[in-house]
Amino acid sequence: MNYICEQAIEFKKKYPTTIAWRLKKHSEVIKKHLSADEAILYVFAGQKSPFIWDMFSTYLVALTNKRILVAEKRLLFGYYFISITPEMFNDLSVQSGILWGKVFIDTIKEQVIINNIDKRSLAEIQNRVSEYMLEEKRKVVKVEKDNYDN
């Protein structure tokens, strides 16, 4: 079993009411798209749908040292994959409901909604993603400033 899948299973054990299926298959999609110098920092799972009753579109979200990866292995063939680099990231928000929570990852192009997540995990997800993206945005701004000054 790969490290990505292990982290996803650990997340699911820690937050058992999260609805997520076929974690190994989804983790293989992320593994396929990792660069050689890219490291996984955090993984969580949920359903990528704006509708709470849609429980059959599990996605894995992996935070790496370079970007956020969102992936789903389709049931029969193919997969969906989204890569969000720090300069494309706008904002992250969370919403807690009666049973589950939602994570909204806002980018320049689209809004990625991951729902049916154990609501106890929302603070952890928000903290991990926000801290990482703030740090990465600082690096991008510093590089742009250094290029401008030269």
Protein backbone atom coordinates (compact mmCIF):
# COMPACT_ATOMS: atom_id res chain seq x y z
CA MET A 1 0.00 0.00 0.00
CA ASN A 2 1.36 3.46 -0.84
CA TYR A 3 1.94 6.32 1.59
CA ILE A 4 -0.92 8.40 0.17
CA CYS A 5 -3.42 5.61 0.77
CA GLU A 6 -2.07 5.06 4.28
CA GLN A 7 -2.62 8.73 5.12
CA ALA A 8 -6.15 8.62 3.67
CA ILE A 9 -6.98 5.53 5.73
CA GLU A 10 -5.54 7.21 8.83
CA PHE A 11 -7.74 10.26 8.17
CA LYS A 12 -10.78 7.98 7.79
CA LYS A 13 -9.96 6.19 11.06
CA LYS A 14 -9.52 9.47 12.89
CA TYR A 15 -12.77 10.87 11.46
CA PRO A 16 -14.97 7.79 10.89
CA THR A 17 -18.18 9.53 9.80
CA THR A 18 -16.43 10.86 6.69
CA ILE A 19 -17.96 9.17 3.65
CA ALA A 20 -15.18 7.86 1.42
CA TRP A 21 -14.73 4.72 -0.71
CA ARG A 22 -12.00 3.09 -2.79
CA LEU A 23 -9.17 5.07 -1.18
CA LYS A 24 -6.45 2.89 -2.68
CA LYS A 25 -7.65 3.48 -6.26
CA HIS A 26 -7.94 7.25 -5.74
CA SER A 27 -4.47 7.39 -4.16
CA GLU A 28 -3.00 5.71 -7.25
CA VAL A 29 -4.20 8.64 -9.38
CA ILE A 30 -2.42 11.10 -7.10
CA LYS A 31 0.72 8.95 -7.06
CA LYS A 32 0.72 8.91 -10.89
CA HIS A 33 0.80 12.73 -11.01
CA LEU A 34 3.44 13.37 -8.33
CA SER A 35 6.71 14.91 -9.44
CA ALA A 36 9.95 13.22 -8.41
CA ASP A 37 10.76 16.01 -5.92
CA GLU A 38 7.21 16.32 -4.57
CA ALA A 39 6.32 15.14 -1.06
CA ILE A 40 2.89 14.48 0.46
CA LEU A 41 2.23 16.63 3.54
CA TYR A 42 -1.46 15.93 4.30
CA VAL A 43 -4.33 13.90 2.84
CA PHE A 44 -8.08 13.97 3.40
CA ALA A 45 -11.09 12.47 1.66
CA GLY A 46 -14.70 13.36 0.96
CA GLN A 47 -17.29 13.60 -1.78
CA LYS A 48 -16.76 16.13 -4.58
CA SER A 49 -20.27 17.30 -5.08
CA PRO A 50 -22.31 20.30 -3.96
CA PHE A 51 -25.13 17.91 -3.00
CA ILE A 52 -25.09 16.17 0.39
CA TRP A 53 -27.03 13.17 -0.92
CA ASP A 54 -24.41 12.36 -3.59
CA MET A 55 -22.29 9.78 -1.76
CA PHE A 56 -20.65 8.02 -4.71
CA SER A 57 -18.04 10.50 -5.93
CA THR A 58 -15.19 10.13 -3.45
CA TYR A 59 -12.19 12.35 -4.04
CA LEU A 60 -8.85 12.42 -2.28
CA VAL A 61 -7.26 15.78 -1.59
CA ALA A 62 -3.50 15.74 -1.08
CA LEU A 63 -1.44 18.67 0.07
CA THR A 64 2.11 18.45 -1.28
CA ASN A 65 5.15 20.65 -0.90
CA LYS A 66 4.25 22.25 -4.27
CA ARG A 67 0.46 22.20 -4.75
CA ILE A 68 -2.93 20.77 -3.82
CA LEU A 69 -3.97 17.65 -5.74
CA VAL A 70 -7.59 16.51 -6.03
CA ALA A 71 -8.25 13.11 -7.61
CA GLU A 72 -10.88 10.46 -8.24
CA LYS A 73 -10.48 7.12 -10.00
CA ARG A 74 -13.68 6.53 -11.95
CA LEU A 75 -15.47 3.24 -11.42
CA LEU A 76 -14.98 1.65 -14.84
CA PHE A 77 -12.25 3.57 -16.64
CA GLY A 78 -10.42 6.86 -16.47
CA TYR A 79 -10.06 9.38 -13.69
CA TYR A 80 -10.51 13.03 -12.72
CA PHE A 81 -7.54 15.10 -11.55
CA ILE A 82 -7.16 18.74 -10.47
CA SER A 83 -3.89 20.48 -9.60
CA ILE A 84 -4.07 23.74 -7.65
CA THR A 85 -0.80 25.66 -7.49
CA PRO A 86 -0.27 28.42 -4.88
CA GLU A 87 -0.72 31.25 -7.39
CA MET A 88 -4.09 29.79 -8.47
CA PHE A 89 -5.36 29.41 -4.88
CA ASN A 90 -7.69 32.17 -3.67
CA ASP A 91 -9.38 31.08 -0.48
CA LEU A 92 -10.50 28.17 1.67
CA SER A 93 -13.70 28.07 3.69
CA VAL A 94 -15.46 25.40 5.68
CA GLN A 95 -19.10 24.86 6.54
CA SER A 96 -20.40 22.62 9.30
CA GLY A 97 -23.82 20.99 9.12
CA ILE A 98 -25.76 18.67 11.39
CA LEU A 99 -23.88 15.50 10.41
CA TRP A 100 -21.11 16.48 8.02
CA GLY A 101 -19.06 19.40 6.87
CA LYS A 102 -17.96 20.90 3.57
CA VAL A 103 -14.66 22.35 2.43
CA PHE A 104 -14.67 25.00 -0.30
CA ILE A 105 -11.37 25.47 -2.12
CA ASP A 106 -11.67 28.62 -4.20
CA THR A 107 -9.29 29.04 -7.13
CA ILE A 108 -9.01 31.56 -9.92
CA LYS A 109 -10.81 29.17 -12.31
CA GLU A 110 -13.29 27.27 -10.16
CA GLN A 111 -14.52 26.35 -6.72
CA VAL A 112 -13.83 22.80 -5.57
CA ILE A 113 -16.37 21.55 -3.03
CA ILE A 114 -15.57 18.51 -0.91
CA ASN A 115 -18.45 17.44 1.35
CA ASN A 116 -19.68 14.61 3.57
CA ILE A 117 -16.60 15.10 5.74
CA ASP A 118 -16.70 14.39 9.48
CA LYS A 119 -17.40 17.85 10.88
CA ARG A 120 -14.81 17.33 13.63
CA SER A 121 -12.09 17.36 10.93
CA LEU A 122 -12.94 20.81 9.55
CA ALA A 123 -10.65 22.80 11.87
CA GLU A 124 -7.73 20.47 11.13
CA ILE A 125 -8.27 20.68 7.37
CA GLN A 126 -8.67 24.46 7.46
CA ASN A 127 -5.54 24.92 9.57
CA ARG A 128 -3.33 22.59 7.51
CA VAL A 129 -4.36 23.97 4.11
CA SER A 130 -4.43 27.64 5.15
CA GLU A 131 -1.05 27.54 6.90
CA TYR A 132 0.53 25.80 3.92
CA MET A 133 -0.96 28.16 1.34
CA LEU A 134 -0.01 31.28 3.33
CA GLU A 135 3.59 30.08 3.44
CA GLU A 136 3.62 29.22 -0.27
CA LYS A 137 2.03 32.57 -1.21
CA ARG A 138 4.78 34.35 0.74
CA LYS A 139 7.38 32.48 -1.30
CA VAL A 140 5.68 33.43 -4.59
CA VAL A 141 5.43 37.09 -3.56
CA LYS A 142 9.10 37.10 -2.46
CA VAL A 143 10.24 35.61 -5.78
CA GLU A 144 8.15 38.13 -7.73
CA LYS A 145 9.52 41.00 -5.59
CA ASP A 146 13.11 39.79 -6.06
CA ASN A 147 12.56 39.58 -9.84
CA TYR A 148 11.06 43.08 -9.87
CA ASP A 149 13.94 44.55 -7.83
CA ASN A 150 16.52 43.12 -10.22
